[in-house]
C-alpha atoms as a PDB file:
ATOM      1  CA  MET A   1     130.754 150.056 109.661  1.00  0.00           C
ATOM      2  CA  PRO A   2     128.350 147.766 108.310  1.00  0.00           C
ATOM      3  CA  HIS A   3     125.412 146.297 110.181  1.00  0.00           C
ATOM      4  CA  ASN A   4     124.510 142.659 109.870  1.00  0.00           C
ATOM      5  CA  LYS A   5     120.931 142.338 108.517  1.00  0.00           C
ATOM      6  CA  PRO A   6     118.840 140.660 111.573  1.00  0.00           C
ATOM      7  CA  ARG A   7     118.031 137.035 110.672  1.00  0.00           C
ATOM      8  CA  PRO A   8     114.347 136.681 110.275  1.00  0.00           C
ATOM      9  CA  PRO A   9     111.935 135.185 112.962  1.00  0.00           C
ATOM     10  CA  LEU A  10     111.952 131.310 112.822  1.00  0.00           C
ATOM     11  CA  ILE A  11     108.045 131.506 111.950  1.00  0.00           C
ATOM     12  CA  GLN A  12     109.012 133.559 109.049  1.00  0.00           C
ATOM     13  CA  ARG A  13     111.676 131.082 107.540  1.00  0.00           C
ATOM     14  CA  ILE A  14     109.173 128.322 108.089  1.00  0.00           C
ATOM     15  CA  ALA A  15     106.717 130.031 106.159  1.00  0.00           C
ATOM     16  CA  ARG A  16     109.093 130.744 103.229  1.00  0.00           C
ATOM     17  CA  HIS A  17     110.334 127.098 103.242  1.00  0.00           C
ATOM     18  CA  ALA A  18     106.938 125.848 103.180  1.00  0.00           C
ATOM     19  CA  GLN A  19     106.138 128.042 100.164  1.00  0.00           C
ATOM     20  CA  SER A  20     108.956 126.765  98.350  1.00  0.00           C
ATOM     21  CA  THR A  21     108.850 123.000  99.219  1.00  0.00           C
ATOM     22  CA  PHE A  22     105.122 122.515  98.455  1.00  0.00           C
ATOM     23  CA  ARG A  23     104.896 125.123  95.512  1.00  0.00           C
ATOM     24  CA  GLY A  24     104.167 122.397  93.092  1.00  0.00           C
ATOM     25  CA  LEU A  25     101.533 120.515  94.961  1.00  0.00           C
ATOM     26  CA  ALA A  26      98.771 123.158  94.470  1.00  0.00           C
ATOM     27  CA  SER A  27      98.738 122.625  90.586  1.00  0.00           C
ATOM     28  CA  ALA A  28     100.076 119.304  90.312  1.00  0.00           C
ATOM     29  CA  ALA A  29      97.435 116.488  89.401  1.00  0.00           C
ATOM     30  CA  GLY A  30      94.628 118.441  89.642  1.00  0.00           C
ATOM     31  CA  GLY A  31      95.611 120.109  93.054  1.00  0.00           C
ATOM     32  CA  ASP A  32      95.262 116.565  94.824  1.00  0.00           C
ATOM     33  CA  GLY A  33      98.555 117.012  96.685  1.00  0.00           C
ATOM     34  CA  GLU A  34     100.344 114.258  94.951  1.00  0.00           C
ATOM     35  CA  GLY A  35     102.949 116.207  93.268  1.00  0.00           C
ATOM     36  CA  HIS A  36     106.653 115.847  93.840  1.00  0.00           C
ATOM     37  CA  VAL A  37     108.327 117.047  97.069  1.00  0.00           C
ATOM     38  CA  ALA A  38     112.093 117.414  97.072  1.00  0.00           C
ATOM     39  CA  PRO A  39     113.034 114.902  99.967  1.00  0.00           C
ATOM     40  CA  GLU A  40     116.025 117.491 100.930  1.00  0.00           C
ATOM     41  CA  ARG A  41     113.540 120.518 100.818  1.00  0.00           C
ATOM     42  CA  LEU A  42     111.281 118.526 103.152  1.00  0.00           C
ATOM     43  CA  GLY A  43     113.875 117.373 105.579  1.00  0.00           C
ATOM     44  CA  GLU A  44     115.183 121.020 105.663  1.00  0.00           C
ATOM     45  CA  LEU A  45     111.494 122.314 106.474  1.00  0.00           C
ATOM     46  CA  VAL A  46     111.026 119.400 109.107  1.00  0.00           C
ATOM     47  CA  SER A  47     114.236 120.732 110.809  1.00  0.00           C
ATOM     48  CA  LEU A  48     112.883 124.226 110.973  1.00  0.00           C
ATOM     49  CA  VAL A  49     109.467 123.073 112.555  1.00  0.00           C
ATOM     50  CA  THR A  50     111.265 120.758 114.873  1.00  0.00           C
ATOM     51  CA  ALA A  51     112.768 123.663 116.387  1.00  0.00           C
ATOM     52  CA  VAL A  52     110.026 126.169 116.818  1.00  0.00           C
ATOM     53  CA  ARG A  53     108.728 126.746 120.347  1.00  0.00           C
ATOM     54  CA  ALA A  54     105.573 128.421 122.044  1.00  0.00           C
ATOM     55  CA  ALA A  55     107.879 131.412 123.004  1.00  0.00           C
ATOM     56  CA  ASP A  56     109.031 132.171 119.259  1.00  0.00           C
ATOM     57  CA  LEU A  57     105.351 132.555 118.546  1.00  0.00           C
ATOM     58  CA  LYS A  58     104.587 134.675 121.796  1.00  0.00           C
ATOM     59  CA  ILE A  59     102.056 132.018 122.883  1.00  0.00           C
ATOM     60  CA  PHE A  60     102.277 130.700 126.342  1.00  0.00           C
ATOM     61  CA  PRO A  61      99.897 128.043 128.244  1.00  0.00           C
ATOM     62  CA  PRO A  62      97.108 129.693 130.124  1.00  0.00           C
ATOM     63  CA  LYS A  63      97.477 130.265 133.857  1.00  0.00           C
ATOM     64  CA  GLY A  64      94.492 128.345 135.751  1.00  0.00           C
ATOM     65  CA  ALA A  65      91.391 127.154 134.199  1.00  0.00           C
ATOM     66  CA  PRO A  66      90.191 129.378 131.408  1.00  0.00           C
ATOM     67  CA  PRO A  67      86.532 130.444 131.241  1.00  0.00           C
ATOM     68  CA  GLU A  68      83.892 128.466 129.497  1.00  0.00           C
ATOM     69  CA  GLY A  69      84.669 128.494 125.781  1.00  0.00           C
ATOM     70  CA  PRO A  70      85.098 126.336 122.611  1.00  0.00           C
ATOM     71  CA  PRO A  71      87.023 122.999 122.931  1.00  0.00           C
ATOM     72  CA  CYS A  72      89.324 124.484 120.345  1.00  0.00           C
ATOM     73  CA  THR A  73      90.562 127.878 119.442  1.00  0.00           C
ATOM     74  CA  TYR A  74      92.506 128.724 116.179  1.00  0.00           C
ATOM     75  CA  MET A  75      95.110 131.429 115.323  1.00  0.00           C
ATOM     76  CA  HIS A  76      95.295 132.223 111.866  1.00  0.00           C
ATOM     77  CA  ILE A  77      99.052 133.015 110.975  1.00  0.00           C
ATOM     78  CA  CYS A  78      99.199 133.000 107.031  1.00  0.00           C
ATOM     79  CA  GLU A  79      97.529 131.119 103.729  1.00  0.00           C
ATOM     80  CA  THR A  80      98.463 130.885 100.131  1.00  0.00           C
ATOM     81  CA  GLU A  81      97.347 128.894  97.257  1.00  0.00           C
ATOM     82  CA  VAL A  82     100.275 126.709  98.501  1.00  0.00           C
ATOM     83  CA  PHE A  83      99.840 126.145 101.982  1.00  0.00           C
ATOM     84  CA  SER A  84      98.076 127.510 105.148  1.00  0.00           C
ATOM     85  CA  MET A  85      99.557 127.940 108.698  1.00  0.00           C
ATOM     86  CA  GLY A  86      98.111 128.503 112.011  1.00  0.00           C
ATOM     87  CA  VAL A  87      97.824 127.416 115.589  1.00  0.00           C
ATOM     88  CA  PHE A  88      95.416 125.197 117.367  1.00  0.00           C
ATOM     89  CA  LEU A  89      94.596 125.807 121.049  1.00  0.00           C
ATOM     90  CA  LEU A  90      93.042 122.746 122.965  1.00  0.00           C
ATOM     91  CA  ARG A  91      91.522 123.051 126.394  1.00  0.00           C
ATOM     92  CA  ALA A  92      92.403 120.371 128.759  1.00  0.00           C
ATOM     93  CA  GLY A  93      90.863 117.061 127.968  1.00  0.00           C
ATOM     94  CA  ALA A  94      89.599 118.403 124.447  1.00  0.00           C
ATOM     95  CA  SER A  95      89.702 116.342 121.240  1.00  0.00           C
ATOM     96  CA  ILE A  96      89.581 117.492 117.692  1.00  0.00           C
ATOM     97  CA  PRO A  97      87.472 114.441 116.288  1.00  0.00           C
ATOM     98  CA  LEU A  98      88.763 111.890 113.642  1.00  0.00           C
ATOM     99  CA  HIS A  99      88.646 113.921 110.127  1.00  0.00           C
ATOM    100  CA  ASP A 100      90.453 113.864 107.173  1.00  0.00           C
ATOM    101  CA  HIS A 101      92.583 116.149 104.683  1.00  0.00           C
ATOM    102  CA  PRO A 102      91.694 115.173 101.239  1.00  0.00           C
ATOM    103  CA  GLY A 103      94.644 115.446  98.960  1.00  0.00           C
ATOM    104  CA  MET A 104      96.629 117.385 101.372  1.00  0.00           C
ATOM    105  CA  ASN A 105     100.136 117.049 103.065  1.00  0.00           C
ATOM    106  CA  GLY A 106     100.383 118.286 106.605  1.00  0.00           C
ATOM    107  CA  MET A 107     102.591 118.912 109.635  1.00  0.00           C
ATOM    108  CA  LEU A 108     101.623 119.135 113.282  1.00  0.00           C
ATOM    109  CA  LYS A 109     104.124 120.505 115.886  1.00  0.00           C
ATOM    110  CA  VAL A 110     103.268 120.636 119.624  1.00  0.00           C
ATOM    111  CA  LEU A 111     104.170 124.058 121.069  1.00  0.00           C
ATOM    112  CA  TYR A 112     102.968 123.176 124.521  1.00  0.00           C
ATOM    113  CA  GLY A 113     101.357 120.527 126.427  1.00  0.00           C
ATOM    114  CA  LYS A 114     100.800 117.076 125.210  1.00  0.00           C
ATOM    115  CA  VAL A 115      98.590 115.340 122.642  1.00  0.00           C
ATOM    116  CA  LYS A 116      97.695 111.890 121.502  1.00  0.00           C
ATOM    117  CA  VAL A 117      97.350 111.485 117.730  1.00  0.00           C
ATOM    118  CA  ARG A 118      95.679 108.390 116.152  1.00  0.00           C
ATOM    119  CA  SER A 119      96.224 108.450 112.440  1.00  0.00           C
ATOM    120  CA  PHE A 120      94.325 106.060 109.885  1.00  0.00           C
ATOM    121  CA  ASP A 121      94.596 105.361 106.196  1.00  0.00           C
ATOM    122  CA  LYS A 122      91.574 104.712 103.915  1.00  0.00           C
ATOM    123  CA  LEU A 123      91.888 101.291 102.210  1.00  0.00           C
ATOM    124  CA  GLU A 124      89.835 102.329  99.051  1.00  0.00           C
ATOM    125  CA  SER A 125      89.425 105.112  97.018  1.00  0.00           C
ATOM    126  CA  GLY A 126      85.800 105.270  97.495  1.00  0.00           C
ATOM    127  CA  PRO A 127      83.010 104.450 100.211  1.00  0.00           C
ATOM    128  CA  ALA A 128      82.215 100.753 100.668  1.00  0.00           C
ATOM    129  CA  SER A 129      79.086  99.522  99.033  1.00  0.00           C
ATOM    130  CA  SER A 130      76.645  97.915 101.684  1.00  0.00           C
ATOM    131  CA  VAL A 131      77.277  94.484 100.468  1.00  0.00           C
ATOM    132  CA  ALA A 132      81.110  94.842 101.131  1.00  0.00           C
ATOM    133  CA  VAL A 133      80.322  95.915 104.848  1.00  0.00           C
ATOM    134  CA  PRO A 134      80.435  92.891 107.298  1.00  0.00           C
ATOM    135  CA  ALA A 135      76.958  91.881 108.395  1.00  0.00           C
ATOM    136  CA  ARG A 136      77.557  92.868 111.669  1.00  0.00           C
ATOM    137  CA  PHE A 137      77.754  96.514 110.787  1.00  0.00           C
ATOM    138  CA  ARG A 138      75.036  96.609 108.338  1.00  0.00           C
ATOM    139  CA  PRO A 139      72.157  97.863 110.571  1.00  0.00           C
ATOM    140  CA  ALA A 140      74.222 101.125 111.050  1.00  0.00           C
ATOM    141  CA  VAL A 141      74.855 101.126 107.053  1.00  0.00           C
ATOM    142  CA  SER A 142      70.949 100.708 106.333  1.00  0.00           C
ATOM    143  CA  ALA A 143      70.222 103.756 108.446  1.00  0.00           C
ATOM    144  CA  PRO A 144      68.774 106.298 106.001  1.00  0.00           C
ATOM    145  CA  GLN A 145      70.237 109.406 107.840  1.00  0.00           C
ATOM    146  CA  ARG A 146      73.750 107.720 107.821  1.00  0.00           C
ATOM    147  CA  GLY A 147      76.648 108.848 105.604  1.00  0.00           C
ATOM    148  CA  SER A 148      79.295 106.876 103.615  1.00  0.00           C
ATOM    149  CA  ILE A 149      81.149 104.047 105.013  1.00  0.00           C
ATOM    150  CA  TRP A 150      84.699 103.569 104.453  1.00  0.00           C
ATOM    151  CA  ARG A 151      87.365 100.559 105.226  1.00  0.00           C
ATOM    152  CA  ALA A 152      90.410 101.984 106.933  1.00  0.00           C
ATOM    153  CA  THR A 153      93.275 100.785 109.228  1.00  0.00           C
ATOM    154  CA  LEU A 154      95.026 102.462 112.146  1.00  0.00           C
ATOM    155  CA  ARG A 155      98.441 103.703 110.874  1.00  0.00           C
ATOM    156  CA  SER A 156      99.828 104.930 114.092  1.00  0.00           C
ATOM    157  CA  ALA A 157      99.153 106.202 117.589  1.00  0.00           C
ATOM    158  CA  ALA A 158     101.455 108.203 119.275  1.00  0.00           C
ATOM    159  CA  GLN A 159     101.967 111.071 121.878  1.00  0.00           C
ATOM    160  CA  PHE A 160     103.860 114.264 120.967  1.00  0.00           C
ATOM    161  CA  SER A 161     105.117 117.076 123.018  1.00  0.00           C
ATOM    162  CA  GLU A 162     107.127 120.130 122.341  1.00  0.00           C
ATOM    163  CA  ASP A 163     110.191 118.169 122.334  1.00  0.00           C
ATOM    164  CA  SER A 164     109.127 115.984 119.804  1.00  0.00           C
ATOM    165  CA  GLY A 165     109.400 116.350 116.006  1.00  0.00           C
ATOM    166  CA  PRO A 166     106.257 117.116 113.741  1.00  0.00           C
ATOM    167  CA  CYS A 167     103.573 114.501 113.191  1.00  0.00           C
ATOM    168  CA  MET A 168     103.144 114.285 109.383  1.00  0.00           C
ATOM    169  CA  LEU A 169     100.501 113.150 106.899  1.00  0.00           C
ATOM    170  CA  THR A 170     100.325 112.844 103.051  1.00  0.00           C
ATOM    171  CA  PRO A 171      97.350 112.280 100.687  1.00  0.00           C
ATOM    172  CA  ALA A 172      97.783 108.470 101.124  1.00  0.00           C
ATOM    173  CA  ARG A 173      99.149 107.924 104.637  1.00  0.00           C
ATOM    174  CA  ASP A 174      98.030 108.939 107.985  1.00  0.00           C
ATOM    175  CA  ASN A 175      95.559 111.391 106.242  1.00  0.00           C
ATOM    176  CA  LEU A 176      92.739 110.926 108.777  1.00  0.00           C
ATOM    177  CA  HIS A 177      93.667 111.735 112.450  1.00  0.00           C
ATOM    178  CA  GLN A 178      92.091 112.312 115.809  1.00  0.00           C
ATOM    179  CA  ILE A 179      93.812 114.847 118.301  1.00  0.00           C
ATOM    180  CA  GLN A 180      93.387 114.974 121.994  1.00  0.00           C
ATOM    181  CA  ALA A 181      94.779 116.971 124.697  1.00  0.00           C
ATOM    182  CA  LEU A 182      96.625 115.034 127.592  1.00  0.00           C
ATOM    183  CA  ASP A 183      97.267 115.907 130.973  1.00  0.00           C
ATOM    184  CA  GLY A 184      96.133 119.578 130.465  1.00  0.00           C
ATOM    185  CA  PRO A 185      95.641 122.149 127.775  1.00  0.00           C
ATOM    186  CA  ALA A 186      97.862 122.072 124.557  1.00  0.00           C
ATOM    187  CA  ALA A 187      98.803 123.891 121.540  1.00  0.00           C
ATOM    188  CA  PHE A 188     100.244 122.946 118.354  1.00  0.00           C
ATOM    189  CA  LEU A 189     101.450 124.630 114.919  1.00  0.00           C
ATOM    190  CA  ASP A 190      99.670 123.489 111.748  1.00  0.00           C
ATOM    191  CA  ILE A 191     100.903 123.339 108.388  1.00  0.00           C
ATOM    192  CA  LEU A 192      98.560 122.148 105.519  1.00  0.00           C
ATOM    193  CA  ALA A 193      99.599 121.749 101.883  1.00  0.00           C
ATOM    194  CA  PRO A 194      97.673 122.702  99.806  1.00  0.00           C
ATOM    195  CA  PRO A 195      95.128 124.362 101.970  1.00  0.00           C
ATOM    196  CA  TYR A 196      91.399 123.226 102.608  1.00  0.00           C
ATOM    197  CA  ASP A 197      89.421 124.453  99.558  1.00  0.00           C
ATOM    198  CA  PRO A 198      86.006 123.035  99.064  1.00  0.00           C
ATOM    199  CA  ASP A 199      85.824 124.211  95.251  1.00  0.00           C
ATOM    200  CA  GLN A 200      88.910 121.921  94.712  1.00  0.00           C
ATOM    201  CA  GLY A 201      87.454 119.055  96.255  1.00  0.00           C
ATOM    202  CA  ARG A 202      89.723 119.539  99.675  1.00  0.00           C
ATOM    203  CA  ASP A 203      86.885 119.674 102.380  1.00  0.00           C
ATOM    204  CA  CYS A 204      87.210 118.608 105.840  1.00  0.00           C
ATOM    205  CA  HIS A 205      84.927 115.528 106.481  1.00  0.00           C
ATOM    206  CA  TYR A 206      84.361 114.000 110.015  1.00  0.00           C
ATOM    207  CA  TYR A 207      84.180 110.145 111.020  1.00  0.00           C
ATOM    208  CA  ARG A 208      83.161 107.993 113.803  1.00  0.00           C
ATOM    209  CA  PHE A 209      83.918 104.204 114.344  1.00  0.00           C
ATOM    210  CA  LEU A 210      81.105 101.848 113.744  1.00  0.00           C
ATOM    211  CA  ARG A 211      80.265  99.567 116.524  1.00  0.00           C
ATOM    212  CA  PRO A 212      79.563  95.820 115.532  1.00  0.00           C
ATOM    213  CA  VAL A 213      75.624  95.110 116.186  1.00  0.00           C
ATOM    214  CA  ALA A 214      75.128  92.445 118.532  1.00  0.00           C
ATOM    215  CA  ASP A 215      73.033  89.430 117.396  1.00  0.00           C
ATOM    216  CA  GLY A 216      69.309  90.038 117.671  1.00  0.00           C
ATOM    217  CA  ALA A 217      69.736  93.841 117.416  1.00  0.00           C
ATOM    218  CA  GLY A 218      67.543  95.584 115.338  1.00  0.00           C
ATOM    219  CA  ASP A 219      67.962  98.058 112.184  1.00  0.00           C
ATOM    220  CA  ASP A 220      66.956 100.980 114.482  1.00  0.00           C
ATOM    221  CA  PRO A 221      70.047 103.360 114.579  1.00  0.00           C
ATOM    222  CA  GLU A 222      68.717 103.795 118.229  1.00  0.00           C
ATOM    223  CA  ASP A 223      70.348 100.248 118.917  1.00  0.00           C
ATOM    224  CA  ASP A 224      73.785 101.710 117.796  1.00  0.00           C
ATOM    225  CA  PRO A 225      75.170 103.747 120.880  1.00  0.00           C
ATOM    226  CA  GLU A 226      76.326 107.154 120.115  1.00  0.00           C
ATOM    227  CA  ASP A 227      79.443 106.820 121.939  1.00  0.00           C
ATOM    228  CA  ASP A 228      82.139 105.501 119.926  1.00  0.00           C
ATOM    229  CA  PRO A 229      83.880 102.257 120.516  1.00  0.00           C
ATOM    230  CA  ASP A 230      87.431 101.857 121.475  1.00  0.00           C
ATOM    231  CA  PRO A 231      89.708 102.477 118.272  1.00  0.00           C
ATOM    232  CA  PRO A 232      91.351  99.424 116.571  1.00  0.00           C
ATOM    233  CA  GLU A 233      94.958  98.211 117.386  1.00  0.00           C
ATOM    234  CA  GLY A 234      97.611  98.752 115.008  1.00  0.00           C
ATOM    235  CA  GLY A 235      97.050  97.182 111.700  1.00  0.00           C
ATOM    236  CA  GLU A 236      93.498  96.239 112.578  1.00  0.00           C
ATOM    237  CA  GLU A 237      90.764  97.264 110.119  1.00  0.00           C
ATOM    238  CA  ALA A 238      88.039  99.778 111.246  1.00  0.00           C
ATOM    239  CA  TRP A 239      84.727 100.846 109.464  1.00  0.00           C
ATOM    240  CA  LEU A 240      84.318 104.510 109.436  1.00  0.00           C
ATOM    241  CA  LEU A 241      81.017 106.325 109.350  1.00  0.00           C
ATOM    242  CA  GLU A 242      81.018 109.763 107.690  1.00  0.00           C
ATOM    243  CA  ILE A 243      79.004 112.240 109.817  1.00  0.00           C
ATOM    244  CA  PRO A 244      78.507 115.819 110.056  1.00  0.00           C
ATOM    245  CA  GLN A 245      80.598 118.049 112.406  1.00  0.00           C
ATOM    246  CA  PRO A 246      79.856 116.602 115.835  1.00  0.00           C
ATOM    247  CA  GLU A 247      77.720 119.135 117.797  1.00  0.00           C
ATOM    248  CA  ASP A 248      80.024 119.072 120.840  1.00  0.00           C
ATOM    249  CA  PHE A 249      82.916 120.171 118.761  1.00  0.00           C
ATOM    250  CA  TRP A 250      83.340 123.680 117.364  1.00  0.00           C
ATOM    251  CA  CYS A 251      86.542 125.889 116.852  1.00  0.00           C
ATOM    252  CA  GLY A 252      86.779 129.589 118.101  1.00  0.00           C
ATOM    253  CA  GLY A 253      89.092 132.072 117.036  1.00  0.00           C
ATOM    254  CA  GLU A 254      91.598 134.562 118.323  1.00  0.00           C
ATOM    255  CA  PRO A 255      94.402 136.734 117.210  1.00  0.00           C
ATOM    256  CA  TYR A 256      97.938 135.469 116.537  1.00  0.00           C
ATOM    257  CA  PRO A 257     100.308 137.269 118.662  1.00  0.00           C
ATOM    258  CA  GLY A 258     103.567 136.480 117.204  1.00  0.00           C
ATOM    259  CA  PRO A 259     105.932 137.854 114.499  1.00  0.00           C
ATOM    260  CA  ALA A 260     104.200 139.009 111.463  1.00  0.00           C
ATOM    261  CA  VAL A 261     104.542 136.802 108.558  1.00  0.00           C
ATOM    262  CA  SER A 262     104.971 137.375 104.698  1.00  0.00           C
ATOM    263  CA  VAL A 263     105.339 135.025 101.913  1.00  0.00           C
END
């Protein structure tokens, strides 16, 4: 009597579908992520990712307060030239600072806990000149140790749980985002296509919101508080300062315990 072949684990099906869905992006338009993605294939991938749960990956919320460690931990699942996939674990109250995904598409699917995601769009293809930046921000711009200034707008701000569909980004929309764990620890599956690759111009950059300088404040960067001002409301423009990776944020690593994945 013939035996039915067992169905591959859900995470294996997600990986293979991601590989076929995003196959053309790594080489299209110089690897800038702007190639064509078939809507029906993307819709099928979204359905698979929406269904995944922490138990499918043998990942479970921590019991009790974990010992001191990094605010964020990454579990690598797989990576090809087409996409990368892994799981981020956030400690209670931890936040991944505002960062970008140049030329990349992405999906974030919460596995346990709850996260708040604020997503931004850059409004120009290059950084602003000092002349273009409103005068109330220029002391921060003129400080020699500061990086590039970008004009952006808040595209969305939403909360996601394990029952939510994935949060998505493209090279042009919702590409910058900030992720904060709410009400305890959280974990999410992360898919990026194409993956980060500094040699191809796909490197991660961090940003902070510029605070308007009060009348009479000097050009000394000490006049600009290090704590970020409140982010803008939906549709409101913001000025973002490109910064090095914040000293209070780093990402540890630990083994992925779920089903093996091959692509």
